[in-house]
Amino acid sequence: MTIRFPRFHLALAGAVLLALGGCSLQQDVAACPVPPPRRPEVIPKAPVSEQMQLWQPGHWDYINGGYVWVAGRWVLRGNKSGQWFDGYWTRDAAPSPCHWVPAHWL
């Protein structure tokens, strides 16, 4: 027994599937937000100390649904490599929501 579907119904079903699939996929793979541009800042002289210090630049942090500027400051080097990374948005895999990675030393 052979079941025949009119071509119009097949085309309509395909169009509906593409439209519905595209809607949910498009929402999940949208670009992650971008933090505001850095604010200019003047780096003051390092404080006098016996321990080595690094300048930690000012950066944006994402707290409670909004960006907050954290001013730059001198910090003890400790076990920090000296390589600074600003905060950024990323996602583990598509489709999945973006998540914020705070600014940090490597």
Protein backbone atom coordinates (compact mmCIF):
# COMPACT_ATOMS: atom_id res chain seq x y z
CA MET A 1 0.00 0.00 0.00
CA THR A 2 1.44 3.37 -0.99
CA ILE A 3 0.46 6.58 0.74
CA ARG A 4 0.66 9.69 -1.39
CA PHE A 5 0.83 13.21 -0.09
CA PRO A 6 0.21 16.14 -2.35
CA ARG A 7 3.37 18.13 -2.98
CA PHE A 8 1.78 21.23 -1.52
CA HIS A 9 1.37 19.54 1.90
CA LEU A 10 4.95 18.31 1.90
CA ALA A 11 6.24 21.78 1.02
CA LEU A 12 4.04 23.37 3.68
CA ALA A 13 5.20 20.92 6.36
CA GLY A 14 8.85 21.51 5.42
CA ALA A 15 8.41 25.29 5.56
CA VAL A 16 6.77 25.10 9.00
CA LEU A 17 9.56 22.89 10.36
CA LEU A 18 12.24 25.23 9.02
CA ALA A 19 10.49 28.28 10.43
CA LEU A 20 10.02 26.78 13.88
CA GLY A 21 13.50 25.32 14.02
CA GLY A 22 15.06 28.60 12.92
CA CYS A 23 13.24 30.57 15.61
CA SER A 24 14.53 28.60 18.55
CA LEU A 25 18.02 28.12 17.10
CA GLN A 26 18.40 31.78 16.24
CA GLN A 27 17.55 32.82 19.80
CA ASP A 28 20.12 30.44 21.37
CA VAL A 29 23.10 31.27 19.15
CA ALA A 30 22.84 35.06 19.14
CA ALA A 31 26.10 36.87 19.83
CA CYS A 32 27.02 37.30 23.47
CA PRO A 33 26.85 40.89 24.80
CA VAL A 34 29.95 43.07 24.74
CA PRO A 35 30.97 45.10 27.83
CA PRO A 36 31.25 48.89 27.48
CA PRO A 37 34.60 50.32 26.37
CA ARG A 38 37.27 50.84 29.03
CA ARG A 39 37.39 54.16 30.79
CA PRO A 40 40.64 56.10 30.45
CA GLU A 41 42.64 56.21 33.66
CA VAL A 42 45.91 57.68 34.85
CA ILE A 43 48.20 55.13 36.48
CA PRO A 44 49.66 56.62 39.66
CA LYS A 45 53.17 55.88 40.90
CA ALA A 46 53.44 52.53 42.62
CA PRO A 47 53.41 52.74 46.40
CA VAL A 48 56.71 52.12 48.16
CA SER A 49 56.84 48.50 49.23
CA GLU A 50 59.34 45.72 49.73
CA GLN A 51 57.02 43.40 47.80
CA MET A 52 56.58 43.56 44.03
CA GLN A 53 53.29 45.07 42.92
CA LEU A 54 51.38 44.97 39.65
CA TRP A 55 48.96 47.52 38.23
CA GLN A 56 45.52 45.94 38.00
CA PRO A 57 43.73 47.98 35.32
CA GLY A 58 40.26 49.35 35.78
CA HIS A 59 37.64 47.05 34.32
CA TRP A 60 33.92 46.43 33.95
CA ASP A 61 32.27 43.79 36.09
CA TYR A 62 28.76 42.46 35.56
CA ILE A 63 26.84 42.49 38.85
CA ASN A 64 23.10 42.10 39.48
CA GLY A 65 22.15 42.51 35.82
CA GLY A 66 24.32 45.53 35.02
CA TYR A 67 27.88 46.70 34.44
CA VAL A 68 29.85 48.28 37.29
CA TRP A 69 33.21 50.05 36.80
CA VAL A 70 35.97 48.83 39.12
CA ALA A 71 38.80 51.39 39.30
CA GLY A 72 42.40 50.31 38.68
CA ARG A 73 44.74 49.79 41.63
CA TRP A 74 48.12 48.46 42.64
CA VAL A 75 48.03 44.87 43.96
CA LEU A 76 50.67 42.59 45.42
CA ARG A 77 52.08 40.29 42.80
CA GLY A 78 51.76 37.16 44.95
CA ASN A 79 51.48 34.16 42.63
CA LYS A 80 50.03 36.18 39.74
CA SER A 81 51.72 35.69 36.38
CA GLY A 82 51.42 39.32 35.38
CA GLN A 83 48.92 38.51 32.63
CA TRP A 84 45.57 40.28 33.08
CA PHE A 85 42.30 39.38 31.35
CA ASP A 86 39.30 41.70 31.25
CA GLY A 87 35.89 40.18 31.96
CA TYR A 88 34.04 38.78 28.97
CA TRP A 89 30.94 36.88 27.91
CA THR A 90 31.21 33.34 26.55
CA ARG A 91 29.17 30.21 26.06
CA ASP A 92 30.25 26.61 26.54
CA ALA A 93 28.53 25.33 23.41
CA ALA A 94 25.88 26.46 20.96
CA PRO A 95 23.01 26.51 21.56
CA SER A 96 23.38 27.52 25.20
CA PRO A 97 23.10 30.78 27.12
CA CYS A 98 26.04 33.14 27.53
CA HIS A 99 27.71 33.49 30.92
CA TRP A 100 30.00 36.15 32.37
CA VAL A 101 33.65 35.38 33.15
CA PRO A 102 34.89 38.06 35.59
CA ALA A 103 38.18 39.91 35.07
CA HIS A 104 41.10 37.95 36.49
CA TRP A 105 44.82 37.35 36.64
CA LEU A 106 46.19 34.28 34.98
